[in-house]
Amino acid sequence: MKASLFRHGINLWPPFLFSGIHVTAIDDDYRRVRVELRQRLWNMNYVRTHFGGSCSR
């Protein structure tokens, strides 16, 4: 599957879609992926930072 098609599909995957995760770029050989975690009302805690369950390293 082409990386560009996979990127568009994975952005519609419900766990990514509803948590604010957005895949911005995938290399053609799938070795590097750029991902953004956008801060939204539903992934913030009470001090207005990212909820711990929304991000991982």
C-alpha atoms as a PDB file:
ATOM      1  CA  MET A   1       0.000   0.000   0.000  1.00  0.00           C
ATOM      2  CA  LYS A   2       1.257   3.478  -0.802  1.00  0.00           C
ATOM      3  CA  ALA A   3       2.344   5.455   2.246  1.00  0.00           C
ATOM      4  CA  SER A   4       0.198   8.454   1.318  1.00  0.00           C
ATOM      5  CA  LEU A   5      -2.951   6.313   1.160  1.00  0.00           C
ATOM      6  CA  PHE A   6      -2.068   4.648   4.464  1.00  0.00           C
ATOM      7  CA  ARG A   7      -1.538   8.078   6.089  1.00  0.00           C
ATOM      8  CA  HIS A   8      -5.015   9.257   5.097  1.00  0.00           C
ATOM      9  CA  GLY A   9      -6.574   6.006   6.281  1.00  0.00           C
ATOM     10  CA  ILE A  10      -4.807   5.945   9.642  1.00  0.00           C
ATOM     11  CA  ASN A  11      -5.950   9.512  10.338  1.00  0.00           C
ATOM     12  CA  LEU A  12      -9.551   8.265  10.138  1.00  0.00           C
ATOM     13  CA  TRP A  13      -8.926   5.412  12.587  1.00  0.00           C
ATOM     14  CA  PRO A  14     -11.174   6.167  15.617  1.00  0.00           C
ATOM     15  CA  PRO A  15      -8.481   5.956  18.356  1.00  0.00           C
ATOM     16  CA  PHE A  16      -6.379   8.534  16.468  1.00  0.00           C
ATOM     17  CA  LEU A  17      -9.291  10.606  15.226  1.00  0.00           C
ATOM     18  CA  PHE A  18     -10.947  11.134  18.604  1.00  0.00           C
ATOM     19  CA  SER A  19      -7.771  11.630  20.646  1.00  0.00           C
ATOM     20  CA  GLY A  20      -6.379  14.383  18.428  1.00  0.00           C
ATOM     21  CA  ILE A  21      -3.500  12.346  16.957  1.00  0.00           C
ATOM     22  CA  HIS A  22      -2.668  13.324  13.381  1.00  0.00           C
ATOM     23  CA  VAL A  23      -0.139  11.591  11.134  1.00  0.00           C
ATOM     24  CA  THR A  24       1.395  14.349   9.009  1.00  0.00           C
ATOM     25  CA  ALA A  25       4.002  12.402   7.022  1.00  0.00           C
ATOM     26  CA  ILE A  26       5.138   8.846   6.324  1.00  0.00           C
ATOM     27  CA  ASP A  27       8.275   7.984   4.352  1.00  0.00           C
ATOM     28  CA  ASP A  28       7.740   5.768   1.312  1.00  0.00           C
ATOM     29  CA  ASP A  29       9.643   2.932   3.023  1.00  0.00           C
ATOM     30  CA  TYR A  30       7.618   3.335   6.277  1.00  0.00           C
ATOM     31  CA  ARG A  31      10.803   3.858   8.325  1.00  0.00           C
ATOM     32  CA  ARG A  32       9.886   7.333   9.553  1.00  0.00           C
ATOM     33  CA  VAL A  33       6.507   8.717  10.590  1.00  0.00           C
ATOM     34  CA  ARG A  34       5.748  12.248  11.771  1.00  0.00           C
ATOM     35  CA  VAL A  35       2.869  12.458  14.239  1.00  0.00           C
ATOM     36  CA  GLU A  36       1.239  15.428  15.980  1.00  0.00           C
ATOM     37  CA  LEU A  37      -0.841  15.268  19.122  1.00  0.00           C
ATOM     38  CA  ARG A  38      -3.143  18.236  19.051  1.00  0.00           C
ATOM     39  CA  GLN A  39      -4.441  19.632  22.307  1.00  0.00           C
ATOM     40  CA  ARG A  40      -8.220  19.568  22.433  1.00  0.00           C
ATOM     41  CA  LEU A  41     -10.800  19.964  25.177  1.00  0.00           C
ATOM     42  CA  TRP A  42     -11.259  16.183  25.384  1.00  0.00           C
ATOM     43  CA  ASN A  43      -7.542  15.418  25.938  1.00  0.00           C
ATOM     44  CA  MET A  44      -6.762  18.098  28.541  1.00  0.00           C
ATOM     45  CA  ASN A  45      -6.668  17.636  32.281  1.00  0.00           C
ATOM     46  CA  TYR A  46      -7.812  20.146  34.903  1.00  0.00           C
ATOM     47  CA  VAL A  47      -4.628  22.268  34.653  1.00  0.00           C
ATOM     48  CA  ARG A  48      -5.079  22.526  30.855  1.00  0.00           C
ATOM     49  CA  THR A  49      -2.169  20.257  29.854  1.00  0.00           C
ATOM     50  CA  HIS A  50      -2.314  16.988  27.913  1.00  0.00           C
ATOM     51  CA  PHE A  51      -4.039  14.151  29.699  1.00  0.00           C
ATOM     52  CA  GLY A  52      -1.486  11.448  30.570  1.00  0.00           C
ATOM     53  CA  GLY A  53      -3.400   8.740  28.693  1.00  0.00           C
ATOM     54  CA  SER A  54      -3.206  10.725  25.438  1.00  0.00           C
ATOM     55  CA  CYS A  55       0.541  10.606  24.951  1.00  0.00           C
ATOM     56  CA  SER A  56       3.327   8.069  25.284  1.00  0.00           C
ATOM     57  CA  ARG A  57       7.015   7.933  24.476  1.00  0.00           C
END
